[in-house]
Structures are given as C-alpha cells and as structure tokens.
Amino acid sequence: PEGSLLALDVSPRRIGFAGTDPGRRLVTPLHTVRRQGLEADLARTAELARSRGSVGLVLGWPLNMDGTAGPACDRIRAFAGRLARRLLLPLLLQDERLTTEAVSQAIAEGRFRRPRSDEPIDHLAAAVILTDALQAVVEDRRLS
C-alpha cells in the first residue's frame, strides 16, 4: 500500500530507525535507541510505526559476505516474526551487507552529518538499508 515505510537496523545492543515520507521520495535517518528487552523494543517500534503512519517495515538482513544466512539472521528472523505479528504490517528483509561502508562513504561525501565519536550510527545504517530496498523496487520495475 502507499504510505511511509519504517526501516530498522537491529543489533544485539541497539536499534537504528529510518523512515520515508508518505510518497517514499525522501529517506530520513531518525534515531538510534539502546535495546531494553524484546517486549520493550517491540512496543517502542510499534509506537514509532503508528506515530509515523507507517504501512510497511524494512529490516536489515545480516547475511554473511558469501550470501549465506548465519546466527545473526536467525535472531533477526525471530525479531521480525514477532514484530510483524504485533504490528500486522508487511515486512521486507533487506540485505545489509556493506552497509557500514556505505554509511562511511555517505559521511565522507557529506550526505550524512559526521557523528561525534561516541554517537551510534545505526539510524544511518537503517537509512542505507531503506534506500537500498527502495532502489531495488525501482530496478525491479524497470526490468519488468
């Protein structure tokens, strides 16, 4: 459905959030939060999705560099399943390989503000994940 999307970069310690406008023309890094347990994380994500009017979710899918799914993918799959059941929203798992490198490049190019040395960048990674997902949809439409 049309409307804004919410992306998450989920790690064992933090969750980075990014979102789109309802027309999906602009991706905005939102913020990074420290994880506080599964139920609190799900509630916080649900509230953010509701407040932004999100109609879909994109989660970073931490494949190994060779494209195989490892233990990190198992953790994301479990989180994604719980989140999708709670929010009743469509959810896409987006390959997040090389996201950190993309964030570093975007900072160097001035597309993202340079964070302080102690500032987490998970919300910037979520923005890259969301941008990659949107670009994949555009490419898929071009090939169709």
Foldseek 3Di string as FASTA:
>chain_A
DFAKEWEWEDDPFKIWIWMAGRRRPDIGGDAMDTDDDLVVVLVVVLVVCVVRVHQEYEYEQAADPVRHHDPVNVVVVVSVVVNCVVNVHYYHHFHLPCLVVVLVVCCVVVVDPDDDPPGDCRSVSRSVRSVVVVVVVVVVVVVD
